[in-house]
Amino acid sequence: MKTNANYGWSMNRICQVTGSRPGYGKQVSHSHRRTARRWEPNLQNRRFLLPGEGRWIRLRVSAQGIKTIDKRGIEAVAAELKAKGVKL
């Protein structure tokens, strides 16, 4: 199993739209003992309809990424992802 070099976790938790990743830090208890932890982005697996192509695409997006798609439109976001080389 591949692990993350920072804290030993695996899995790729990255938003395809915003690129947000987990944040790393320390959990501090009442006695101030510090242990490693990470803050996960709020990722959702979503299907979006591309009206121009008449097909559905699946994206792993954060809640902020969903708001970005609502604001800019799925066509514009999909075009930007295709330019970056993301397979849709």
PDB file of N, CA and C in Angstrom:
ATOM      1  N   MET A   1       0.845  -1.186   0.000  1.00  0.00           N
ATOM      2  CA  MET A   1       0.000   0.000   0.000  1.00  0.00           C
ATOM      3  C   MET A   1       0.880   1.236   0.000  1.00  0.00           C
ATOM      4  N   LYS A   2       0.619   2.156  -0.897  1.00  0.00           N
ATOM      5  CA  LYS A   2       1.361   3.410  -0.909  1.00  0.00           C
ATOM      6  C   LYS A   2       0.850   4.305   0.206  1.00  0.00           C
ATOM      7  N   THR A   3       1.749   5.005   0.841  1.00  0.00           N
ATOM      8  CA  THR A   3       1.353   5.896   1.923  1.00  0.00           C
ATOM      9  C   THR A   3       1.840   7.296   1.644  1.00  0.00           C
ATOM     10  N   ASN A   4       1.202   8.247   2.278  1.00  0.00           N
ATOM     11  CA  ASN A   4       1.604   9.634   2.163  1.00  0.00           C
ATOM     12  C   ASN A   4       2.839   9.833   3.023  1.00  0.00           C
ATOM     13  N   ALA A   5       3.856  10.502   2.498  1.00  0.00           N
ATOM     14  CA  ALA A   5       5.110  10.683   3.225  1.00  0.00           C
ATOM     15  C   ALA A   5       4.930  11.530   4.473  1.00  0.00           C
ATOM     16  N   ASN A   6       3.892  12.366   4.507  1.00  0.00           N
ATOM     17  CA  ASN A   6       3.727  13.254   5.656  1.00  0.00           C
ATOM     18  C   ASN A   6       3.322  12.505   6.915  1.00  0.00           C
ATOM     19  N   TYR A   7       2.246  11.742   6.852  1.00  0.00           N
ATOM     20  CA  TYR A   7       1.735  11.104   8.053  1.00  0.00           C
ATOM     21  C   TYR A   7       1.344   9.648   7.860  1.00  0.00           C
ATOM     22  N   GLY A   8       1.622   9.061   6.724  1.00  0.00           N
ATOM     23  CA  GLY A   8       1.324   7.659   6.536  1.00  0.00           C
ATOM     24  C   GLY A   8      -0.065   7.340   6.025  1.00  0.00           C
ATOM     25  N   TRP A   9      -0.858   8.344   5.633  1.00  0.00           N
ATOM     26  CA  TRP A   9      -2.178   8.078   5.080  1.00  0.00           C
ATOM     27  C   TRP A   9      -2.071   7.833   3.594  1.00  0.00           C
ATOM     28  N   SER A  10      -3.021   7.079   3.060  1.00  0.00           N
ATOM     29  CA  SER A  10      -3.077   6.877   1.623  1.00  0.00           C
ATOM     30  C   SER A  10      -4.349   7.517   1.093  1.00  0.00           C
ATOM     31  N   MET A  11      -4.622   7.377  -0.157  1.00  0.00           N
ATOM     32  CA  MET A  11      -5.790   7.902  -0.869  1.00  0.00           C
ATOM     33  C   MET A  11      -5.558   9.331  -1.344  1.00  0.00           C
ATOM     34  N   ASN A  12      -5.991   9.547  -2.553  1.00  0.00           N
ATOM     35  CA  ASN A  12      -5.826  10.841  -3.186  1.00  0.00           C
ATOM     36  C   ASN A  12      -7.097  11.657  -2.973  1.00  0.00           C
ATOM     37  N   ARG A  13      -7.087  12.590  -2.027  1.00  0.00           N
ATOM     38  CA  ARG A  13      -8.275  13.372  -1.697  1.00  0.00           C
ATOM     39  C   ARG A  13      -8.079  14.783  -2.230  1.00  0.00           C
ATOM     40  N   ILE A  14      -8.272  14.942  -3.546  1.00  0.00           N
ATOM     41  CA  ILE A  14      -8.057  16.232  -4.196  1.00  0.00           C
ATOM     42  C   ILE A  14      -9.284  16.570  -5.029  1.00  0.00           C
ATOM     43  N   CYS A  15      -9.758  17.804  -4.904  1.00  0.00           N
ATOM     44  CA  CYS A  15     -10.883  18.271  -5.710  1.00  0.00           C
ATOM     45  C   CYS A  15     -10.406  18.473  -7.143  1.00  0.00           C
ATOM     46  N   GLN A  16     -11.162  17.964  -8.117  1.00  0.00           N
ATOM     47  CA  GLN A  16     -10.773  18.101  -9.519  1.00  0.00           C
ATOM     48  C   GLN A  16     -10.987  19.514 -10.041  1.00  0.00           C
ATOM     49  N   VAL A  17     -11.837  20.300  -9.402  1.00  0.00           N
ATOM     50  CA  VAL A  17     -12.124  21.657  -9.878  1.00  0.00           C
ATOM     51  C   VAL A  17     -11.216  22.675  -9.197  1.00  0.00           C
ATOM     52  N   THR A  18     -11.204  22.692  -7.872  1.00  0.00           N
ATOM     53  CA  THR A  18     -10.439  23.712  -7.141  1.00  0.00           C
ATOM     54  C   THR A  18      -9.023  23.267  -6.813  1.00  0.00           C
ATOM     55  N   GLY A  19      -8.775  21.967  -6.813  1.00  0.00           N
ATOM     56  CA  GLY A  19      -7.445  21.473  -6.460  1.00  0.00           C
ATOM     57  C   GLY A  19      -7.170  21.466  -4.967  1.00  0.00           C
ATOM     58  N   SER A  20      -8.205  21.670  -4.141  1.00  0.00           N
ATOM     59  CA  SER A  20      -7.980  21.700  -2.695  1.00  0.00           C
ATOM     60  C   SER A  20      -7.579  20.315  -2.204  1.00  0.00           C
ATOM     61  N   ARG A  21      -6.632  20.301  -1.268  1.00  0.00           N
ATOM     62  CA  ARG A  21      -6.061  19.078  -0.726  1.00  0.00           C
ATOM     63  C   ARG A  21      -6.243  19.055   0.782  1.00  0.00           C
ATOM     64  N   PRO A  22      -5.956  17.917   1.422  1.00  0.00           N
ATOM     65  CA  PRO A  22      -6.028  17.891   2.882  1.00  0.00           C
ATOM     66  C   PRO A  22      -5.003  18.836   3.497  1.00  0.00           C
ATOM     67  N   GLY A  23      -5.383  19.428   4.622  1.00  0.00           N
ATOM     68  CA  GLY A  23      -4.459  20.255   5.382  1.00  0.00           C
ATOM     69  C   GLY A  23      -3.903  19.442   6.536  1.00  0.00           C
ATOM     70  N   TYR A  24      -2.617  19.592   6.808  1.00  0.00           N
ATOM     71  CA  TYR A  24      -1.967  18.815   7.851  1.00  0.00           C
ATOM     72  C   TYR A  24      -1.661  19.688   9.048  1.00  0.00           C
ATOM     73  N   GLY A  25      -1.699  19.083  10.223  1.00  0.00           N
ATOM     74  CA  GLY A  25      -1.395  19.830  11.428  1.00  0.00           C
ATOM     75  C   GLY A  25      -1.365  18.908  12.624  1.00  0.00           C
ATOM     76  N   LYS A  26      -1.572  19.485  13.781  1.00  0.00           N
ATOM     77  CA  LYS A  26      -1.540  18.736  15.029  1.00  0.00           C
ATOM     78  C   LYS A  26      -2.864  18.882  15.756  1.00  0.00           C
ATOM     79  N   GLN A  27      -3.293  17.800  16.383  1.00  0.00           N
ATOM     80  CA  GLN A  27      -4.436  17.851  17.280  1.00  0.00           C
ATOM     81  C   GLN A  27      -3.875  18.095  18.669  1.00  0.00           C
ATOM     82  N   VAL A  28      -4.393  19.086  19.372  1.00  0.00           N
ATOM     83  CA  VAL A  28      -3.869  19.448  20.682  1.00  0.00           C
ATOM     84  C   VAL A  28      -4.924  19.113  21.734  1.00  0.00           C
ATOM     85  N   SER A  29      -4.565  18.236  22.651  1.00  0.00           N
ATOM     86  CA  SER A  29      -5.495  17.829  23.700  1.00  0.00           C
ATOM     87  C   SER A  29      -5.505  18.861  24.828  1.00  0.00           C
ATOM     88  N   HIS A  30      -6.318  18.596  25.833  1.00  0.00           N
ATOM     89  CA  HIS A  30      -6.412  19.491  26.988  1.00  0.00           C
ATOM     90  C   HIS A  30      -5.060  19.626  27.690  1.00  0.00           C
ATOM     91  N   SER A  31      -4.293  18.523  27.726  1.00  0.00           N
ATOM     92  CA  SER A  31      -2.979  18.555  28.378  1.00  0.00           C
ATOM     93  C   SER A  31      -1.874  19.006  27.422  1.00  0.00           C
ATOM     94  N   HIS A  32      -2.249  19.453  26.238  1.00  0.00           N
ATOM     95  CA  HIS A  32      -1.343  19.969  25.201  1.00  0.00           C
ATOM     96  C   HIS A  32      -0.439  18.903  24.594  1.00  0.00           C
ATOM     97  N   ARG A  33      -0.846  17.642  24.660  1.00  0.00           N
ATOM     98  CA  ARG A  33      -0.133  16.602  23.908  1.00  0.00           C
ATOM     99  C   ARG A  33      -0.521  16.777  22.447  1.00  0.00           C
ATOM    100  N   ARG A  34       0.425  16.679  21.566  1.00  0.00           N
ATOM    101  CA  ARG A  34       0.164  16.924  20.152  1.00  0.00           C
ATOM    102  C   ARG A  34       0.289  15.636  19.360  1.00  0.00           C
ATOM    103  N   THR A  35      -0.722  15.351  18.547  1.00  0.00           N
ATOM    104  CA  THR A  35      -0.693  14.190  17.669  1.00  0.00           C
ATOM    105  C   THR A  35      -1.042  14.645  16.258  1.00  0.00           C
ATOM    106  N   ALA A  36      -0.491  13.932  15.288  1.00  0.00           N
ATOM    107  CA  ALA A  36      -0.693  14.298  13.890  1.00  0.00           C
ATOM    108  C   ALA A  36      -2.148  14.091  13.483  1.00  0.00           C
ATOM    109  N   ARG A  37      -2.667  14.991  12.706  1.00  0.00           N
ATOM    110  CA  ARG A  37      -4.008  14.854  12.144  1.00  0.00           C
ATOM    111  C   ARG A  37      -4.062  15.598  10.826  1.00  0.00           C
ATOM    112  N   ARG A  38      -5.158  15.434  10.112  1.00  0.00           N
ATOM    113  CA  ARG A  38      -5.337  16.204   8.889  1.00  0.00           C
ATOM    114  C   ARG A  38      -6.790  16.585   8.721  1.00  0.00           C
ATOM    115  N   TRP A  39      -6.992  17.687   8.038  1.00  0.00           N
ATOM    116  CA  TRP A  39      -8.326  18.202   7.750  1.00  0.00           C
ATOM    117  C   TRP A  39      -8.649  17.839   6.315  1.00  0.00           C
ATOM    118  N   GLU A  40      -9.679  17.007   6.145  1.00  0.00           N
ATOM    119  CA  GLU A  40     -10.063  16.539   4.814  1.00  0.00           C
ATOM    120  C   GLU A  40     -10.950  17.567   4.115  1.00  0.00           C
ATOM    121  N   PRO A  41     -10.772  17.752   2.801  1.00  0.00           N
ATOM    122  CA  PRO A  41     -11.739  18.574   2.073  1.00  0.00           C
ATOM    123  C   PRO A  41     -13.072  17.830   1.972  1.00  0.00           C
ATOM    124  N   ASN A  42     -14.153  18.583   1.871  1.00  0.00           N
ATOM    125  CA  ASN A  42     -15.495  17.993   1.803  1.00  0.00           C
ATOM    126  C   ASN A  42     -15.751  17.523   0.366  1.00  0.00           C
ATOM    127  N   LEU A  43     -15.248  16.332   0.030  1.00  0.00           N
ATOM    128  CA  LEU A  43     -15.338  15.828  -1.340  1.00  0.00           C
ATOM    129  C   LEU A  43     -16.623  15.044  -1.563  1.00  0.00           C
ATOM    130  N   GLN A  44     -17.203  15.251  -2.733  1.00  0.00           N
ATOM    131  CA  GLN A  44     -18.419  14.559  -3.148  1.00  0.00           C
ATOM    132  C   GLN A  44     -18.178  13.978  -4.540  1.00  0.00           C
ATOM    133  N   ASN A  45     -18.685  12.785  -4.782  1.00  0.00           N
ATOM    134  CA  ASN A  45     -18.678  12.213  -6.128  1.00  0.00           C
ATOM    135  C   ASN A  45     -19.980  12.643  -6.793  1.00  0.00           C
ATOM    136  N   ARG A  46     -19.878  13.451  -7.837  1.00  0.00           N
ATOM    137  CA  ARG A  46     -21.070  14.016  -8.474  1.00  0.00           C
ATOM    138  C   ARG A  46     -21.069  13.734  -9.969  1.00  0.00           C
ATOM    139  N   ARG A  47     -22.283  13.602 -10.524  1.00  0.00           N
ATOM    140  CA  ARG A  47     -22.468  13.512 -11.974  1.00  0.00           C
ATOM    141  C   ARG A  47     -23.015  14.841 -12.452  1.00  0.00           C
ATOM    142  N   PHE A  48     -22.471  15.333 -13.550  1.00  0.00           N
ATOM    143  CA  PHE A  48     -22.938  16.582 -14.148  1.00  0.00           C
ATOM    144  C   PHE A  48     -23.266  16.314 -15.609  1.00  0.00           C
ATOM    145  N   LEU A  49     -24.362  16.920 -16.090  1.00  0.00           N
ATOM    146  CA  LEU A  49     -24.769  16.770 -17.484  1.00  0.00           C
ATOM    147  C   LEU A  49     -24.115  17.857 -18.312  1.00  0.00           C
ATOM    148  N   LEU A  50     -23.404  17.443 -19.370  1.00  0.00           N
ATOM    149  CA  LEU A  50     -22.859  18.395 -20.333  1.00  0.00           C
ATOM    150  C   LEU A  50     -23.890  18.559 -21.442  1.00  0.00           C
ATOM    151  N   PRO A  51     -24.661  19.656 -21.438  1.00  0.00           N
ATOM    152  CA  PRO A  51     -25.734  19.805 -22.425  1.00  0.00           C
ATOM    153  C   PRO A  51     -25.223  19.844 -23.860  1.00  0.00           C
ATOM    154  N   GLY A  52     -24.062  20.447 -24.088  1.00  0.00           N
ATOM    155  CA  GLY A  52     -23.529  20.546 -25.443  1.00  0.00           C
ATOM    156  C   GLY A  52     -23.196  19.191 -26.041  1.00  0.00           C
ATOM    157  N   GLU A  53     -22.730  18.258 -25.207  1.00  0.00           N
ATOM    158  CA  GLU A  53     -22.351  16.933 -25.683  1.00  0.00           C
ATOM    159  C   GLU A  53     -23.435  15.894 -25.424  1.00  0.00           C
ATOM    160  N   GLY A  54     -24.424  16.245 -24.595  1.00  0.00           N
ATOM    161  CA  GLY A  54     -25.510  15.321 -24.298  1.00  0.00           C
ATOM    162  C   GLY A  54     -25.075  14.094 -23.524  1.00  0.00           C
ATOM    163  N   ARG A  55     -24.092  14.255 -22.647  1.00  0.00           N
ATOM    164  CA  ARG A  55     -23.625  13.120 -21.856  1.00  0.00           C
ATOM    165  C   ARG A  55     -23.311  13.564 -20.435  1.00  0.00           C
ATOM    166  N   TRP A  56     -23.196  12.577 -19.546  1.00  0.00           N
ATOM    167  CA  TRP A  56     -22.895  12.831 -18.144  1.00  0.00           C
ATOM    168  C   TRP A  56     -21.403  12.646 -17.904  1.00  0.00           C
ATOM    169  N   ILE A  57     -20.854  13.442 -16.990  1.00  0.00           N
ATOM    170  CA  ILE A  57     -19.477  13.243 -16.551  1.00  0.00           C
ATOM    171  C   ILE A  57     -19.486  13.100 -15.033  1.00  0.00           C
ATOM    172  N   ARG A  58     -18.534  12.339 -14.532  1.00  0.00           N
ATOM    173  CA  ARG A  58     -18.396  12.160 -13.085  1.00  0.00           C
ATOM    174  C   ARG A  58     -17.181  12.951 -12.622  1.00  0.00           C
ATOM    175  N   LEU A  59     -17.369  13.725 -11.564  1.00  0.00           N
ATOM    176  CA  LEU A  59     -16.273  14.489 -10.988  1.00  0.00           C
ATOM    177  C   LEU A  59     -16.234  14.265  -9.489  1.00  0.00           C
ATOM    178  N   ARG A  60     -15.035  14.297  -8.943  1.00  0.00           N
ATOM    179  CA  ARG A  60     -14.860  14.259  -7.483  1.00  0.00           C
ATOM    180  C   ARG A  60     -14.546  15.682  -7.063  1.00  0.00           C
ATOM    181  N   VAL A  61     -15.557  16.366  -6.550  1.00  0.00           N
ATOM    182  CA  VAL A  61     -15.431  17.799  -6.279  1.00  0.00           C
ATOM    183  C   VAL A  61     -15.733  18.105  -4.820  1.00  0.00           C
ATOM    184  N   SER A  62     -15.124  19.178  -4.339  1.00  0.00           N
ATOM    185  CA  SER A  62     -15.412  19.663  -2.991  1.00  0.00           C
ATOM    186  C   SER A  62     -16.698  20.485  -3.027  1.00  0.00           C
ATOM    187  N   ALA A  63     -17.193  20.827  -1.851  1.00  0.00           N
ATOM    188  CA  ALA A  63     -18.392  21.658  -1.773  1.00  0.00           C
ATOM    189  C   ALA A  63     -18.128  23.005  -2.440  1.00  0.00           C
ATOM    190  N   GLN A  64     -16.919  23.540  -2.271  1.00  0.00           N
ATOM    191  CA  GLN A  64     -16.563  24.799  -2.924  1.00  0.00           C
ATOM    192  C   GLN A  64     -16.517  24.623  -4.444  1.00  0.00           C
ATOM    193  N   GLY A  65     -16.081  23.447  -4.910  1.00  0.00           N
ATOM    194  CA  GLY A  65     -16.061  23.165  -6.340  1.00  0.00           C
ATOM    195  C   GLY A  65     -17.461  23.119  -6.931  1.00  0.00           C
ATOM    196  N   ILE A  66     -18.424  22.590  -6.173  1.00  0.00           N
ATOM    197  CA  ILE A  66     -19.820  22.557  -6.627  1.00  0.00           C
ATOM    198  C   ILE A  66     -20.354  23.979  -6.757  1.00  0.00           C
ATOM    199  N   LYS A  67     -20.010  24.838  -5.794  1.00  0.00           N
ATOM    200  CA  LYS A  67     -20.436  26.238  -5.865  1.00  0.00           C
ATOM    201  C   LYS A  67     -19.797  26.943  -7.064  1.00  0.00           C
ATOM    202  N   THR A  68     -18.549  26.600  -7.368  1.00  0.00           N
ATOM    203  CA  THR A  68     -17.869  27.177  -8.531  1.00  0.00           C
ATOM    204  C   THR A  68     -18.571  26.759  -9.818  1.00  0.00           C
ATOM    205  N   ILE A  69     -18.960  25.484  -9.905  1.00  0.00           N
ATOM    206  CA  ILE A  69     -19.671  24.993 -11.090  1.00  0.00           C
ATOM    207  C   ILE A  69     -21.024  25.681 -11.217  1.00  0.00           C
ATOM    208  N   ASP A  70     -21.721  25.879 -10.095  1.00  0.00           N
ATOM    209  CA  ASP A  70     -23.006  26.581 -10.131  1.00  0.00           C
ATOM    210  C   ASP A  70     -22.837  28.010 -10.635  1.00  0.00           C
ATOM    211  N   LYS A  71     -21.751  28.650 -10.245  1.00  0.00           N
ATOM    212  CA  LYS A  71     -21.534  30.055 -10.603  1.00  0.00           C
ATOM    213  C   LYS A  71     -21.070  30.214 -12.051  1.00  0.00           C
ATOM    214  N   ARG A  72     -20.071  29.419 -12.469  1.00  0.00           N
ATOM    215  CA  ARG A  72     -19.472  29.590 -13.793  1.00  0.00           C
ATOM    216  C   ARG A  72     -20.119  28.738 -14.868  1.00  0.00           C
ATOM    217  N   GLY A  73     -20.778  27.655 -14.472  1.00  0.00           N
ATOM    218  CA  GLY A  73     -21.394  26.748 -15.440  1.00  0.00           C
ATOM    219  C   GLY A  73     -20.499  25.551 -15.705  1.00  0.00           C
ATOM    220  N   ILE A  74     -21.118  24.394 -15.900  1.00  0.00           N
ATOM    221  CA  ILE A  74     -20.359  23.160 -16.087  1.00  0.00           C
ATOM    222  C   ILE A  74     -19.597  23.166 -17.402  1.00  0.00           C
ATOM    223  N   GLU A  75     -20.131  23.822 -18.431  1.00  0.00           N
ATOM    224  CA  GLU A  75     -19.441  23.861 -19.730  1.00  0.00           C
ATOM    225  C   GLU A  75     -18.093  24.563 -19.614  1.00  0.00           C
ATOM    226  N   ALA A  76     -18.060  25.710 -18.927  1.00  0.00           N
ATOM    227  CA  ALA A  76     -16.815  26.466 -18.773  1.00  0.00           C
ATOM    228  C   ALA A  76     -15.811  25.700 -17.918  1.00  0.00           C
ATOM    229  N   VAL A  77     -16.289  25.087 -16.854  1.00  0.00           N
ATOM    230  CA  VAL A  77     -15.398  24.331 -15.970  1.00  0.00           C
ATOM    231  C   VAL A  77     -14.859  23.099 -16.692  1.00  0.00           C
ATOM    232  N   ALA A  78     -15.712  22.411 -17.461  1.00  0.00           N
ATOM    233  CA  ALA A  78     -15.280  21.226 -18.202  1.00  0.00           C
ATOM    234  C   ALA A  78     -14.245  21.595 -19.262  1.00  0.00           C
ATOM    235  N   ALA A  79     -14.427  22.736 -19.920  1.00  0.00           N
ATOM    236  CA  ALA A  79     -13.450  23.175 -20.918  1.00  0.00           C
ATOM    237  C   ALA A  79     -12.098  23.453 -20.264  1.00  0.00           C
ATOM    238  N   GLU A  80     -12.127  24.051 -19.083  1.00  0.00           N
ATOM    239  CA  GLU A  80     -10.880  24.332 -18.361  1.00  0.00           C
ATOM    240  C   GLU A  80     -10.188  23.034 -17.929  1.00  0.00           C
ATOM    241  N   LEU A  81     -10.975  22.056 -17.486  1.00  0.00           N
ATOM    242  CA  LEU A  81     -10.402  20.772 -17.082  1.00  0.00           C
ATOM    243  C   LEU A  81      -9.799  20.037 -18.276  1.00  0.00           C
ATOM    244  N   LYS A  82     -10.482  20.097 -19.433  1.00  0.00           N
ATOM    245  CA  LYS A  82      -9.942  19.460 -20.636  1.00  0.00           C
ATOM    246  C   LYS A  82      -8.629  20.106 -21.050  1.00  0.00           C
ATOM    247  N   ALA A  83      -8.529  21.438 -20.896  1.00  0.00           N
ATOM    248  CA  ALA A  83      -7.289  22.143 -21.233  1.00  0.00           C
ATOM    249  C   ALA A  83      -6.143  21.715 -20.315  1.00  0.00           C
ATOM    250  N   LYS A  84      -6.474  21.364 -19.075  1.00  0.00           N
ATOM    251  CA  LYS A  84      -5.453  20.897 -18.125  1.00  0.00           C
ATOM    252  C   LYS A  84      -5.064  19.449 -18.384  1.00  0.00           C
ATOM    253  N   GLY A  85      -5.845  18.752 -19.205  1.00  0.00           N
ATOM    254  CA  GLY A  85      -5.542  17.363 -19.518  1.00  0.00           C
ATOM    255  C   GLY A  85      -6.278  16.351 -18.665  1.00  0.00           C
ATOM    256  N   VAL A  86      -7.320  16.783 -17.948  1.00  0.00           N
ATOM    257  CA  VAL A  86      -8.113  15.864 -17.136  1.00  0.00           C
ATOM    258  C   VAL A  86      -9.054  15.095 -18.052  1.00  0.00           C
ATOM    259  N   LYS A  87      -9.085  13.769 -17.891  1.00  0.00           N
ATOM    260  CA  LYS A  87      -9.969  12.953 -18.723  1.00  0.00           C
ATOM    261  C   LYS A  87     -11.391  13.052 -18.185  1.00  0.00           C
ATOM    262  N   LEU A  88     -12.336  13.438 -19.049  1.00  0.00           N
ATOM    263  CA  LEU A  88     -13.737  13.569 -18.636  1.00  0.00           C
ATOM    264  C   LEU A  88     -14.587  12.528 -19.327  1.00  0.00           C
TER     265      LEU A  88
END
